[in-house]
PDB file of N, CA and C in Angstrom:
ATOM      1  N   UNK A   1      -9.865  -5.110  -1.225  1.00  0.00           N
ATOM      2  CA  UNK A   1      -9.215  -4.299  -2.235  1.00  0.00           C
ATOM      3  C   UNK A   1     -10.254  -3.819  -3.221  1.00  0.00           C
ATOM      4  N   UNK A   2     -10.014  -2.673  -3.792  1.00  0.00           N
ATOM      5  CA  UNK A   2     -10.967  -2.167  -4.765  1.00  0.00           C
ATOM      6  C   UNK A   2     -10.465  -2.280  -6.194  1.00  0.00           C
ATOM      7  N   UNK A   3      -9.299  -2.829  -6.398  1.00  0.00           N
ATOM      8  CA  UNK A   3      -8.768  -3.004  -7.740  1.00  0.00           C
ATOM      9  C   UNK A   3      -8.431  -4.474  -7.934  1.00  0.00           C
ATOM     10  N   UNK A   4      -9.353  -5.217  -8.546  1.00  0.00           N
ATOM     11  CA  UNK A   4      -9.137  -6.650  -8.709  1.00  0.00           C
ATOM     12  C   UNK A   4      -9.054  -7.077 -10.165  1.00  0.00           C
ATOM     13  N   UNK A   5      -9.113  -6.140 -11.097  1.00  0.00           N
ATOM     14  CA  UNK A   5      -9.002  -6.460 -12.504  1.00  0.00           C
ATOM     15  C   UNK A   5      -7.532  -6.476 -12.898  1.00  0.00           C
ATOM     16  N   UNK A   6      -7.078  -7.588 -13.442  1.00  0.00           N
ATOM     17  CA  UNK A   6      -5.673  -7.705 -13.840  1.00  0.00           C
ATOM     18  C   UNK A   6      -5.369  -6.760 -14.989  1.00  0.00           C
ATOM     19  N   UNK A   7      -4.252  -6.086 -14.881  1.00  0.00           N
ATOM     20  CA  UNK A   7      -3.796  -5.178 -15.918  1.00  0.00           C
ATOM     21  C   UNK A   7      -2.294  -5.323 -16.063  1.00  0.00           C
ATOM     22  N   UNK A   8      -1.820  -5.196 -17.277  1.00  0.00           N
ATOM     23  CA  UNK A   8      -0.384  -5.180 -17.530  1.00  0.00           C
ATOM     24  C   UNK A   8       0.113  -3.773 -17.221  1.00  0.00           C
ATOM     25  N   UNK A   9       1.163  -3.670 -16.453  1.00  0.00           N
ATOM     26  CA  UNK A   9       1.713  -2.353 -16.136  1.00  0.00           C
ATOM     27  C   UNK A   9       3.167  -2.293 -16.560  1.00  0.00           C
ATOM     28  N   UNK A  10       3.584  -1.103 -16.938  1.00  0.00           N
ATOM     29  CA  UNK A  10       4.986  -0.868 -17.272  1.00  0.00           C
ATOM     30  C   UNK A  10       5.354   0.504 -16.725  1.00  0.00           C
ATOM     31  N   UNK A  11       6.583   0.846 -16.837  1.00  0.00           N
ATOM     32  CA  UNK A  11       7.069   2.133 -16.339  1.00  0.00           C
ATOM     33  C   UNK A  11       6.822   2.314 -14.853  1.00  0.00           C
ATOM     34  N   UNK A  12       6.876   1.226 -14.098  1.00  0.00           N
ATOM     35  CA  UNK A  12       6.752   1.317 -12.648  1.00  0.00           C
ATOM     36  C   UNK A  12       8.106   1.762 -12.121  1.00  0.00           C
ATOM     37  N   UNK A  13       8.096   2.787 -11.289  1.00  0.00           N
ATOM     38  CA  UNK A  13       9.361   3.209 -10.698  1.00  0.00           C
ATOM     39  C   UNK A  13       9.220   3.279  -9.190  1.00  0.00           C
ATOM     40  N   UNK A  14      10.310   3.036  -8.523  1.00  0.00           N
ATOM     41  CA  UNK A  14      10.325   3.061  -7.066  1.00  0.00           C
ATOM     42  C   UNK A  14      10.718   4.459  -6.614  1.00  0.00           C
ATOM     43  N   UNK A  15       9.875   5.035  -5.766  1.00  0.00           N
ATOM     44  CA  UNK A  15      10.142   6.348  -5.179  1.00  0.00           C
ATOM     45  C   UNK A  15       9.870   6.262  -3.685  1.00  0.00           C
ATOM     46  N   UNK A  16      10.299   7.249  -2.959  1.00  0.00           N
ATOM     47  CA  UNK A  16      10.012   7.313  -1.529  1.00  0.00           C
ATOM     48  C   UNK A  16       8.505   7.419  -1.322  1.00  0.00           C
ATOM     49  N   UNK A  17       7.994   6.819  -0.268  1.00  0.00           N
ATOM     50  CA  UNK A  17       6.558   6.898   0.032  1.00  0.00           C
ATOM     51  C   UNK A  17       6.095   8.336   0.224  1.00  0.00           C
ATOM     52  N   UNK A  18       7.003   9.215   0.599  1.00  0.00           N
ATOM     53  CA  UNK A  18       6.644  10.613   0.835  1.00  0.00           C
ATOM     54  C   UNK A  18       6.901  11.502  -0.377  1.00  0.00           C
ATOM     55  N   UNK A  19       7.390  10.930  -1.465  1.00  0.00           N
ATOM     56  CA  UNK A  19       7.651  11.714  -2.675  1.00  0.00           C
ATOM     57  C   UNK A  19       6.347  12.248  -3.248  1.00  0.00           C
ATOM     58  N   UNK A  20       6.405  13.424  -3.841  1.00  0.00           N
ATOM     59  CA  UNK A  20       5.189  14.048  -4.376  1.00  0.00           C
ATOM     60  C   UNK A  20       4.571  13.241  -5.508  1.00  0.00           C
ATOM     61  N   UNK A  21       5.371  12.436  -6.213  1.00  0.00           N
ATOM     62  CA  UNK A  21       4.827  11.635  -7.313  1.00  0.00           C
ATOM     63  C   UNK A  21       4.508  10.194  -6.907  1.00  0.00           C
ATOM     64  N   UNK A  22       4.579   9.879  -5.626  1.00  0.00           N
ATOM     65  CA  UNK A  22       4.221   8.532  -5.158  1.00  0.00           C
ATOM     66  C   UNK A  22       2.711   8.347  -5.243  1.00  0.00           C
ATOM     67  N   UNK A  23       2.282   7.278  -5.888  1.00  0.00           N
ATOM     68  CA  UNK A  23       0.850   6.979  -5.995  1.00  0.00           C
ATOM     69  C   UNK A  23       0.437   5.908  -4.992  1.00  0.00           C
ATOM     70  N   UNK A  24       1.313   4.942  -4.774  1.00  0.00           N
ATOM     71  CA  UNK A  24       1.040   3.835  -3.862  1.00  0.00           C
ATOM     72  C   UNK A  24       2.228   3.623  -2.938  1.00  0.00           C
ATOM     73  N   UNK A  25       1.970   2.971  -1.825  1.00  0.00           N
ATOM     74  CA  UNK A  25       3.046   2.528  -0.943  1.00  0.00           C
ATOM     75  C   UNK A  25       2.820   1.050  -0.654  1.00  0.00           C
ATOM     76  N   UNK A  26       3.888   0.306  -0.523  1.00  0.00           N
ATOM     77  CA  UNK A  26       3.807  -1.122  -0.229  1.00  0.00           C
ATOM     78  C   UNK A  26       3.494  -1.283   1.255  1.00  0.00           C
ATOM     79  N   UNK A  27       2.371  -1.947   1.539  1.00  0.00           N
ATOM     80  CA  UNK A  27       1.982  -2.183   2.934  1.00  0.00           C
ATOM     81  C   UNK A  27       2.136  -3.648   3.330  1.00  0.00           C
ATOM     82  N   UNK A  28       2.433  -4.502   2.359  1.00  0.00           N
ATOM     83  CA  UNK A  28       2.638  -5.910   2.663  1.00  0.00           C
ATOM     84  C   UNK A  28       3.231  -6.637   1.470  1.00  0.00           C
ATOM     85  N   UNK A  29       3.914  -7.735   1.743  1.00  0.00           N
ATOM     86  CA  UNK A  29       4.506  -8.567   0.700  1.00  0.00           C
ATOM     87  C   UNK A  29       4.103 -10.012   0.964  1.00  0.00           C
ATOM     88  N   UNK A  30       3.565 -10.668  -0.072  1.00  0.00           N
ATOM     89  CA  UNK A  30       3.203 -12.086   0.015  1.00  0.00           C
ATOM     90  C   UNK A  30       4.180 -12.831  -0.900  1.00  0.00           C
ATOM     91  N   UNK A  31       5.135 -13.559  -0.320  1.00  0.00           N
ATOM     92  CA  UNK A  31       6.175 -14.207  -1.127  1.00  0.00           C
ATOM     93  C   UNK A  31       5.725 -15.537  -1.735  1.00  0.00           C
ATOM     94  N   UNK A  32       6.519 -16.003  -2.673  1.00  0.00           N
ATOM     95  CA  UNK A  32       6.384 -17.346  -3.260  1.00  0.00           C
ATOM     96  C   UNK A  32       5.029 -17.604  -3.901  1.00  0.00           C
ATOM     97  N   UNK A  33       4.595 -16.697  -4.752  1.00  0.00           N
ATOM     98  CA  UNK A  33       3.355 -16.872  -5.509  1.00  0.00           C
ATOM     99  C   UNK A  33       3.679 -16.797  -6.990  1.00  0.00           C
ATOM    100  N   UNK A  34       3.074 -17.685  -7.769  1.00  0.00           N
ATOM    101  CA  UNK A  34       3.247 -17.622  -9.216  1.00  0.00           C
ATOM    102  C   UNK A  34       2.319 -16.555  -9.778  1.00  0.00           C
ATOM    103  N   UNK A  35       2.585 -16.157 -10.999  1.00  0.00           N
ATOM    104  CA  UNK A  35       1.714 -15.190 -11.661  1.00  0.00           C
ATOM    105  C   UNK A  35       0.306 -15.764 -11.808  1.00  0.00           C
ATOM    106  N   UNK A  36       0.211 -17.074 -12.082  1.00  0.00           N
ATOM    107  CA  UNK A  36      -1.101 -17.726 -12.202  1.00  0.00           C
ATOM    108  C   UNK A  36      -1.866 -17.657 -10.886  1.00  0.00           C
ATOM    109  N   UNK A  37      -1.194 -17.909  -9.769  1.00  0.00           N
ATOM    110  CA  UNK A  37      -1.855 -17.803  -8.461  1.00  0.00           C
ATOM    111  C   UNK A  37      -2.338 -16.371  -8.218  1.00  0.00           C
ATOM    112  N   UNK A  38      -1.514 -15.411  -8.556  1.00  0.00           N
ATOM    113  CA  UNK A  38      -1.875 -14.004  -8.400  1.00  0.00           C
ATOM    114  C   UNK A  38      -3.112 -13.661  -9.230  1.00  0.00           C
ATOM    115  N   UNK A  39      -3.167 -14.179 -10.452  1.00  0.00           N
ATOM    116  CA  UNK A  39      -4.274 -13.851 -11.354  1.00  0.00           C
ATOM    117  C   UNK A  39      -5.613 -14.434 -10.926  1.00  0.00           C
ATOM    118  N   UNK A  40      -5.614 -15.510 -10.140  1.00  0.00           N
ATOM    119  CA  UNK A  40      -6.887 -16.145  -9.764  1.00  0.00           C
ATOM    120  C   UNK A  40      -7.307 -15.892  -8.319  1.00  0.00           C
ATOM    121  N   UNK A  41      -6.417 -15.378  -7.490  1.00  0.00           N
ATOM    122  CA  UNK A  41      -6.734 -15.202  -6.068  1.00  0.00           C
ATOM    123  C   UNK A  41      -6.838 -13.722  -5.707  1.00  0.00           C
ATOM    124  N   UNK A  42      -8.074 -13.239  -5.566  1.00  0.00           N
ATOM    125  CA  UNK A  42      -8.319 -11.833  -5.217  1.00  0.00           C
ATOM    126  C   UNK A  42      -8.120 -11.550  -3.734  1.00  0.00           C
ATOM    127  N   UNK A  43      -7.735 -12.553  -2.966  1.00  0.00           N
ATOM    128  CA  UNK A  43      -7.655 -12.388  -1.509  1.00  0.00           C
ATOM    129  C   UNK A  43      -6.228 -12.449  -0.962  1.00  0.00           C
ATOM    130  N   UNK A  44      -5.231 -12.385  -1.825  1.00  0.00           N
ATOM    131  CA  UNK A  44      -3.845 -12.505  -1.371  1.00  0.00           C
ATOM    132  C   UNK A  44      -3.440 -11.388  -0.413  1.00  0.00           C
ATOM    133  N   UNK A  45      -4.059 -10.233  -0.529  1.00  0.00           N
ATOM    134  CA  UNK A  45      -3.694  -9.094   0.323  1.00  0.00           C
ATOM    135  C   UNK A  45      -4.708  -8.829   1.429  1.00  0.00           C
ATOM    136  N   UNK A  46      -5.575  -9.785   1.702  1.00  0.00           N
ATOM    137  CA  UNK A  46      -6.591  -9.593   2.748  1.00  0.00           C
ATOM    138  C   UNK A  46      -5.993  -9.274   4.116  1.00  0.00           C
ATOM    139  N   UNK A  47      -4.785  -9.726   4.376  1.00  0.00           N
ATOM    140  CA  UNK A  47      -4.141  -9.458   5.670  1.00  0.00           C
ATOM    141  C   UNK A  47      -3.729  -7.992   5.817  1.00  0.00           C
ATOM    142  N   UNK A  48      -3.845  -7.234   4.739  1.00  0.00           N
ATOM    143  CA  UNK A  48      -3.457  -5.822   4.730  1.00  0.00           C
ATOM    144  C   UNK A  48      -4.680  -4.983   4.365  1.00  0.00           C
ATOM    145  N   UNK A  49      -5.493  -4.623   5.353  1.00  0.00           N
ATOM    146  CA  UNK A  49      -6.785  -3.979   5.085  1.00  0.00           C
ATOM    147  C   UNK A  49      -6.696  -2.633   4.374  1.00  0.00           C
ATOM    148  N   UNK A  50      -5.563  -1.963   4.403  1.00  0.00           N
ATOM    149  CA  UNK A  50      -5.451  -0.683   3.692  1.00  0.00           C
ATOM    150  C   UNK A  50      -5.075  -0.868   2.226  1.00  0.00           C
ATOM    151  N   UNK A  51      -4.784  -2.107   1.815  1.00  0.00           N
ATOM    152  CA  UNK A  51      -4.401  -2.365   0.423  1.00  0.00           C
ATOM    153  C   UNK A  51      -5.577  -2.104  -0.510  1.00  0.00           C
ATOM    154  N   UNK A  52      -5.301  -1.359  -1.573  1.00  0.00           N
ATOM    155  CA  UNK A  52      -6.322  -1.061  -2.578  1.00  0.00           C
ATOM    156  C   UNK A  52      -5.979  -1.694  -3.922  1.00  0.00           C
ATOM    157  N   UNK A  53      -4.768  -2.202  -4.049  1.00  0.00           N
ATOM    158  CA  UNK A  53      -4.329  -2.807  -5.293  1.00  0.00           C
ATOM    159  C   UNK A  53      -3.168  -3.751  -4.979  1.00  0.00           C
ATOM    160  N   UNK A  54      -2.781  -4.536  -5.978  1.00  0.00           N
ATOM    161  CA  UNK A  54      -1.661  -5.455  -5.793  1.00  0.00           C
ATOM    162  C   UNK A  54      -0.877  -5.545  -7.091  1.00  0.00           C
ATOM    163  N   UNK A  55       0.390  -5.852  -6.952  1.00  0.00           N
ATOM    164  CA  UNK A  55       1.283  -5.982  -8.091  1.00  0.00           C
ATOM    165  C   UNK A  55       2.094  -7.255  -7.906  1.00  0.00           C
ATOM    166  N   UNK A  56       2.120  -8.096  -8.945  1.00  0.00           N
ATOM    167  CA  UNK A  56       2.959  -9.292  -8.884  1.00  0.00           C
ATOM    168  C   UNK A  56       4.307  -8.948  -9.487  1.00  0.00           C
ATOM    169  N   UNK A  57       5.364  -9.324  -8.798  1.00  0.00           N
ATOM    170  CA  UNK A  57       6.716  -9.049  -9.256  1.00  0.00           C
ATOM    171  C   UNK A  57       7.470 -10.361  -9.296  1.00  0.00           C
ATOM    172  N   UNK A  58       7.880 -10.765 -10.490  1.00  0.00           N
ATOM    173  CA  UNK A  58       8.597 -12.019 -10.621  1.00  0.00           C
ATOM    174  C   UNK A  58       8.932 -12.304 -12.069  1.00  0.00           C
ATOM    175  N   UNK A  59       9.392 -13.515 -12.307  1.00  0.00           N
ATOM    176  CA  UNK A  59       9.767 -13.934 -13.652  1.00  0.00           C
ATOM    177  C   UNK A  59       8.693 -14.884 -14.180  1.00  0.00           C
ATOM    178  N   UNK A  60       8.246 -14.664 -15.409  1.00  0.00           N
ATOM    179  CA  UNK A  60       7.218 -15.508 -16.016  1.00  0.00           C
ATOM    180  C   UNK A  60       7.606 -16.977 -15.898  1.00  0.00           C
ATOM    181  N   UNK A  61       6.657 -17.796 -15.464  1.00  0.00           N
ATOM    182  CA  UNK A  61       6.887 -19.216 -15.311  1.00  0.00           C
ATOM    183  C   UNK A  61       7.493 -19.608 -13.975  1.00  0.00           C
ATOM    184  N   UNK A  62       7.810 -18.627 -13.159  1.00  0.00           N
ATOM    185  CA  UNK A  62       8.407 -18.907 -11.854  1.00  0.00           C
ATOM    186  C   UNK A  62       7.608 -18.266 -10.741  1.00  0.00           C
ATOM    187  N   UNK A  63       8.172 -18.301  -9.566  1.00  0.00           N
ATOM    188  CA  UNK A  63       7.524 -17.669  -8.418  1.00  0.00           C
ATOM    189  C   UNK A  63       7.995 -16.231  -8.286  1.00  0.00           C
ATOM    190  N   UNK A  64       7.190 -15.469  -7.594  1.00  0.00           N
ATOM    191  CA  UNK A  64       7.533 -14.082  -7.329  1.00  0.00           C
ATOM    192  C   UNK A  64       6.865 -13.643  -6.052  1.00  0.00           C
ATOM    193  N   UNK A  65       6.750 -12.351  -5.899  1.00  0.00           N
ATOM    194  CA  UNK A  65       6.122 -11.777  -4.716  1.00  0.00           C
ATOM    195  C   UNK A  65       4.951 -10.905  -5.124  1.00  0.00           C
ATOM    196  N   UNK A  66       3.922 -10.922  -4.299  1.00  0.00           N
ATOM    197  CA  UNK A  66       2.786 -10.031  -4.484  1.00  0.00           C
ATOM    198  C   UNK A  66       3.024  -8.834  -3.571  1.00  0.00           C
ATOM    199  N   UNK A  67       3.039  -7.653  -4.160  1.00  0.00           N
ATOM    200  CA  UNK A  67       3.179  -6.423  -3.392  1.00  0.00           C
ATOM    201  C   UNK A  67       1.785  -5.870  -3.155  1.00  0.00           C
ATOM    202  N   UNK A  68       1.398  -5.738  -1.904  1.00  0.00           N
ATOM    203  CA  UNK A  68       0.089  -5.207  -1.538  1.00  0.00           C
ATOM    204  C   UNK A  68       0.241  -3.703  -1.379  1.00  0.00           C
ATOM    205  N   UNK A  69      -0.550  -2.949  -2.129  1.00  0.00           N
ATOM    206  CA  UNK A  69      -0.362  -1.508  -2.241  1.00  0.00           C
ATOM    207  C   UNK A  69      -1.510  -0.721  -1.637  1.00  0.00           C
ATOM    208  N   UNK A  70      -1.168   0.337  -0.917  1.00  0.00           N
ATOM    209  CA  UNK A  70      -2.151   1.270  -0.366  1.00  0.00           C
ATOM    210  C   UNK A  70      -1.926   2.624  -1.025  1.00  0.00           C
ATOM    211  N   UNK A  71      -2.931   3.459  -0.982  1.00  0.00           N
ATOM    212  CA  UNK A  71      -2.838   4.812  -1.515  1.00  0.00           C
ATOM    213  C   UNK A  71      -1.773   5.576  -0.732  1.00  0.00           C
ATOM    214  N   UNK A  72      -0.786   6.125  -1.414  1.00  0.00           N
ATOM    215  CA  UNK A  72       0.310   6.829  -0.738  1.00  0.00           C
ATOM    216  C   UNK A  72      -0.141   8.146  -0.129  1.00  0.00           C
ATOM    217  N   UNK A  73      -1.225   8.702  -0.610  1.00  0.00           N
ATOM    218  CA  UNK A  73      -1.665  10.018  -0.140  1.00  0.00           C
ATOM    219  C   UNK A  73      -2.498   9.944   1.128  1.00  0.00           C
ATOM    220  N   UNK A  74      -3.067   8.783   1.421  1.00  0.00           N
ATOM    221  CA  UNK A  74      -3.879   8.640   2.636  1.00  0.00           C
ATOM    222  C   UNK A  74      -2.978   8.345   3.815  1.00  0.00           C
ATOM    223  N   UNK A  75      -3.319   8.862   4.939  1.00  0.00           N
ATOM    224  CA  UNK A  75      -2.526   8.634   6.154  1.00  0.00           C
ATOM    225  C   UNK A  75      -3.319   7.829   7.128  1.00  0.00           C
TER     226      UNK A  75
END
């Protein structure tokens, strides 16, 4: 992945992968990871070689899922 610096994101919206405003597409999901695990492990999406970034989705203090993201514009 080329984006390994943790950043807080907001205003994330779900759109079709083919939508003109789509920036990323989900290419893999790694379930049952805490936010702390996500923050320290840069290799969670290694199984998805097209992934360029990752997003943790869950509730603070609990487990969630890591969404492995690829550039939506590349085919």
